[in-house]
């Protein structure tokens, strides 16, 4: 059973339209502006999660604690060095 010229031409036209639609969708998906918007939306959603906020808070507390501990140790070390130098002069 052979197909008519019009039937084949119609199938080709439909395939062409489907391909054009697919290409438009792909171009829309890989558009840098759209990718940036999607990434921003995902990041915002993740950062609103209470578990993520808790982890960020914990990390911030550790960093601040580490800085305070380091500053206190440096201050004590400086005081020991000054006491040692004073004792040698003295």
N, C-alpha and C. Protein backbone atom coordinates (compact mmCIF):
# COMPACT_ATOMS: atom_id res chain seq x y z
N UNK A 1 0.86 -1.17 0.00
CA UNK A 1 0.00 0.00 0.00
C UNK A 1 0.90 1.23 0.00
N UNK A 2 0.82 2.00 -1.04
CA UNK A 2 1.65 3.19 -1.14
C UNK A 2 0.89 4.40 -0.63
N UNK A 3 1.66 5.31 -0.11
CA UNK A 3 1.06 6.53 0.43
C UNK A 3 1.04 7.60 -0.66
N UNK A 4 0.10 8.49 -0.53
CA UNK A 4 -0.02 9.54 -1.55
C UNK A 4 1.00 10.64 -1.26
N UNK A 5 1.26 11.39 -2.29
CA UNK A 5 2.18 12.51 -2.20
C UNK A 5 1.73 13.49 -1.13
N UNK A 6 0.45 13.77 -1.09
CA UNK A 6 -0.09 14.72 -0.10
C UNK A 6 0.07 14.20 1.33
N UNK A 7 -0.09 12.90 1.52
CA UNK A 7 0.06 12.30 2.84
C UNK A 7 1.51 12.42 3.31
N UNK A 8 2.43 12.11 2.41
CA UNK A 8 3.86 12.21 2.75
C UNK A 8 4.22 13.66 3.03
N UNK A 9 3.75 14.55 2.20
CA UNK A 9 4.04 15.98 2.39
C UNK A 9 3.48 16.47 3.73
N UNK A 10 2.29 16.01 4.10
CA UNK A 10 1.69 16.38 5.37
C UNK A 10 2.50 15.86 6.55
N UNK A 11 2.99 14.62 6.44
CA UNK A 11 3.82 14.05 7.51
C UNK A 11 5.13 14.84 7.66
N UNK A 12 5.71 15.22 6.53
CA UNK A 12 6.95 15.99 6.57
C UNK A 12 6.71 17.36 7.21
N UNK A 13 5.60 17.99 6.85
CA UNK A 13 5.26 19.30 7.42
C UNK A 13 5.04 19.18 8.93
N UNK A 14 4.35 18.12 9.37
CA UNK A 14 4.12 17.92 10.79
C UNK A 14 5.44 17.68 11.52
N UNK A 15 6.30 16.84 10.93
CA UNK A 15 7.60 16.56 11.54
C UNK A 15 8.43 17.85 11.64
N UNK A 16 8.37 18.69 10.60
CA UNK A 16 9.10 19.95 10.59
C UNK A 16 8.59 20.86 11.72
N UNK A 17 7.26 20.93 11.86
CA UNK A 17 6.68 21.75 12.93
C UNK A 17 7.06 21.23 14.31
N UNK A 18 7.02 19.90 14.48
CA UNK A 18 7.41 19.30 15.76
C UNK A 18 8.88 19.59 16.07
N UNK A 19 9.72 19.48 15.05
CA UNK A 19 11.14 19.76 15.25
C UNK A 19 11.36 21.23 15.60
N UNK A 20 10.65 22.11 14.94
CA UNK A 20 10.78 23.54 15.24
C UNK A 20 10.35 23.83 16.68
N UNK A 21 9.26 23.21 17.11
CA UNK A 21 8.79 23.38 18.49
C UNK A 21 9.83 22.87 19.48
N UNK A 22 10.39 21.70 19.20
CA UNK A 22 11.41 21.12 20.07
C UNK A 22 12.64 22.02 20.15
N UNK A 23 13.07 22.53 19.01
CA UNK A 23 14.24 23.42 18.99
C UNK A 23 13.97 24.71 19.77
N UNK A 24 12.76 25.24 19.65
CA UNK A 24 12.40 26.44 20.41
C UNK A 24 12.44 26.15 21.92
N UNK A 25 11.93 24.98 22.32
CA UNK A 25 11.94 24.62 23.73
C UNK A 25 13.37 24.45 24.24
N UNK A 26 14.23 23.82 23.45
CA UNK A 26 15.63 23.65 23.84
C UNK A 26 16.34 24.99 23.94
N UNK A 27 16.10 25.87 22.99
CA UNK A 27 16.72 27.19 23.01
C UNK A 27 16.26 27.96 24.25
N UNK A 28 15.02 27.80 24.62
CA UNK A 28 14.48 28.47 25.81
C UNK A 28 15.13 27.92 27.08
N UNK A 29 15.32 26.60 27.12
CA UNK A 29 15.92 25.96 28.30
C UNK A 29 17.37 26.36 28.52
N UNK A 30 18.13 26.53 27.45
CA UNK A 30 19.56 26.82 27.59
C UNK A 30 19.88 28.31 27.50
N UNK A 31 18.86 29.14 27.43
CA UNK A 31 19.06 30.58 27.43
C UNK A 31 19.71 30.99 28.75
N UNK A 32 20.87 31.67 28.73
CA UNK A 32 21.57 32.03 29.97
C UNK A 32 20.69 32.81 30.96
N UNK A 33 19.85 33.67 30.46
CA UNK A 33 18.98 34.44 31.36
C UNK A 33 18.01 33.52 32.08
N UNK A 34 17.44 32.57 31.33
CA UNK A 34 16.51 31.62 31.94
C UNK A 34 17.22 30.70 32.92
N UNK A 35 18.44 30.27 32.57
CA UNK A 35 19.21 29.42 33.48
C UNK A 35 19.54 30.17 34.77
N UNK A 36 19.91 31.44 34.65
CA UNK A 36 20.22 32.25 35.83
C UNK A 36 18.98 32.42 36.71
N UNK A 37 17.86 32.69 36.10
CA UNK A 37 16.61 32.85 36.85
C UNK A 37 16.25 31.55 37.57
N UNK A 38 16.37 30.44 36.86
CA UNK A 38 16.05 29.15 37.47
C UNK A 38 17.01 28.83 38.62
N UNK A 39 18.29 29.11 38.42
CA UNK A 39 19.27 28.88 39.48
C UNK A 39 19.00 29.74 40.70
N UNK A 40 18.63 30.99 40.46
CA UNK A 40 18.31 31.90 41.56
C UNK A 40 17.10 31.39 42.34
N UNK A 41 16.08 30.94 41.62
CA UNK A 41 14.87 30.42 42.27
C UNK A 41 15.18 29.19 43.11
N UNK A 42 16.01 28.29 42.56
CA UNK A 42 16.36 27.08 43.31
C UNK A 42 17.19 27.42 44.54
N UNK A 43 18.15 28.34 44.39
CA UNK A 43 18.98 28.72 45.53
C UNK A 43 18.15 29.39 46.62
N UNK A 44 17.23 30.24 46.22
CA UNK A 44 16.35 30.90 47.18
C UNK A 44 15.50 29.88 47.93
N UNK A 45 14.99 28.90 47.20
CA UNK A 45 14.17 27.86 47.83
C UNK A 45 14.99 27.05 48.82
N UNK A 46 16.22 26.72 48.45
CA UNK A 46 17.08 25.94 49.35
C UNK A 46 17.42 26.75 50.59
N UNK A 47 17.72 28.03 50.42
CA UNK A 47 18.11 28.86 51.55
C UNK A 47 16.95 29.15 52.50
N UNK A 48 15.73 28.92 52.07
CA UNK A 48 14.58 29.12 52.95
C UNK A 48 14.29 27.87 53.78
N UNK A 49 14.94 26.77 53.48
CA UNK A 49 14.74 25.52 54.22
C UNK A 49 15.32 25.68 55.63
N UNK A 50 14.52 25.40 56.68
CA UNK A 50 14.99 25.58 58.06
C UNK A 50 16.24 24.75 58.38
N UNK A 51 16.35 23.57 57.78
CA UNK A 51 17.55 22.75 58.05
C UNK A 51 18.80 23.42 57.49
N UNK A 52 18.68 24.01 56.32
CA UNK A 52 19.83 24.70 55.72
C UNK A 52 20.18 25.92 56.55
N UNK A 53 19.17 26.65 57.01
CA UNK A 53 19.42 27.82 57.86
C UNK A 53 20.11 27.41 59.15
N UNK A 54 19.73 26.27 59.72
CA UNK A 54 20.36 25.78 60.94
C UNK A 54 21.83 25.45 60.69
N UNK A 55 22.11 24.80 59.57
CA UNK A 55 23.50 24.46 59.24
C UNK A 55 24.32 25.72 59.03
N UNK A 56 23.77 26.69 58.31
CA UNK A 56 24.49 27.94 58.08
C UNK A 56 24.75 28.66 59.40
N UNK A 57 23.75 28.66 60.28
CA UNK A 57 23.92 29.26 61.60
C UNK A 57 25.00 28.57 62.40
N UNK A 58 25.01 27.24 62.35
CA UNK A 58 26.04 26.48 63.06
C UNK A 58 27.44 26.76 62.53
N UNK A 59 27.57 26.82 61.22
CA UNK A 59 28.88 27.12 60.62
C UNK A 59 29.32 28.53 61.00
N UNK A 60 28.40 29.48 60.95
CA UNK A 60 28.73 30.85 61.33
C UNK A 60 29.17 30.91 62.79
N UNK A 61 28.49 30.18 63.67
CA UNK A 61 28.87 30.16 65.08
C UNK A 61 30.26 29.56 65.26
N UNK A 62 30.56 28.49 64.52
CA UNK A 62 31.89 27.89 64.61
C UNK A 62 32.98 28.85 64.12
N UNK A 63 32.71 29.54 63.04
CA UNK A 63 33.70 30.48 62.51
C UNK A 63 33.94 31.61 63.50
N UNK A 64 32.86 32.17 64.02
CA UNK A 64 33.00 33.27 64.98
C UNK A 64 33.71 32.78 66.25
N UNK A 65 33.35 31.57 66.70
CA UNK A 65 34.02 31.00 67.87
C UNK A 65 35.49 30.78 67.62
N UNK A 66 35.82 30.28 66.43
CA UNK A 66 37.23 30.07 66.08
C UNK A 66 38.02 31.36 66.04
N UNK A 67 37.42 32.39 65.50
CA UNK A 67 38.09 33.69 65.45
C UNK A 67 38.30 34.23 66.86
N UNK A 68 37.28 34.12 67.70
CA UNK A 68 37.40 34.60 69.08
C UNK A 68 38.46 33.81 69.84
N UNK A 69 38.48 32.50 69.66
CA UNK A 69 39.48 31.65 70.32
C UNK A 69 40.88 32.01 69.87
N UNK A 70 41.05 32.21 68.56
CA UNK A 70 42.36 32.57 68.02
C UNK A 70 42.81 33.92 68.55
N UNK A 71 41.90 34.89 68.60
CA UNK A 71 42.27 36.21 69.12
C UNK A 71 42.65 36.13 70.59
N UNK A 72 41.93 35.34 71.37
CA UNK A 72 42.24 35.19 72.80
C UNK A 72 43.61 34.53 72.98
N UNK A 73 43.90 33.50 72.17
CA UNK A 73 45.20 32.84 72.28
C UNK A 73 46.33 33.78 71.89
N UNK A 74 46.13 34.58 70.86
CA UNK A 74 47.19 35.52 70.45
C UNK A 74 47.42 36.56 71.52
N UNK A 75 46.34 37.02 72.16
CA UNK A 75 46.46 38.00 73.23
C UNK A 75 47.26 37.40 74.40
N UNK A 76 46.94 36.17 74.78
CA UNK A 76 47.65 35.50 75.88
C UNK A 76 49.12 35.29 75.51
N UNK A 77 49.38 34.89 74.28
CA UNK A 77 50.76 34.68 73.84
C UNK A 77 51.53 35.99 73.86
N UNK A 78 50.90 37.06 73.41
CA UNK A 78 51.54 38.36 73.44
C UNK A 78 51.86 38.77 74.88
N UNK A 79 50.94 38.51 75.80
CA UNK A 79 51.17 38.84 77.21
C UNK A 79 52.32 38.02 77.78
N UNK A 80 52.40 36.73 77.43
CA UNK A 80 53.52 35.89 77.90
C UNK A 80 54.85 36.39 77.36
N UNK A 81 54.87 36.77 76.10
CA UNK A 81 56.11 37.28 75.50
C UNK A 81 56.52 38.58 76.17
N UNK A 82 55.57 39.47 76.40
CA UNK A 82 55.88 40.73 77.07
C UNK A 82 56.37 40.49 78.48
N UNK A 83 55.77 39.54 79.20
CA UNK A 83 56.22 39.21 80.57
C UNK A 83 57.62 38.64 80.53
N UNK A 84 57.88 37.78 79.56
CA UNK A 84 59.23 37.20 79.44
C UNK A 84 60.27 38.28 79.15
N UNK A 85 59.94 39.16 78.21
CA UNK A 85 60.90 40.23 77.89
C UNK A 85 61.09 41.18 79.07
N UNK A 86 60.04 41.45 79.80
CA UNK A 86 60.13 42.31 80.97
C UNK A 86 61.00 41.65 82.05
N UNK A 87 60.85 40.35 82.22
CA UNK A 87 61.64 39.64 83.22
C UNK A 87 63.11 39.63 82.82
N UNK A 88 63.41 39.56 81.56
CA UNK A 88 64.82 39.55 81.10
C UNK A 88 65.45 40.93 81.26
N UNK A 89 64.63 41.97 81.10
CA UNK A 89 65.16 43.34 81.25
C UNK A 89 65.40 43.66 82.71
N UNK A 90 64.52 43.13 83.50
CA UNK A 90 64.39 43.48 84.80
C UNK A 90 65.08 43.44 85.96
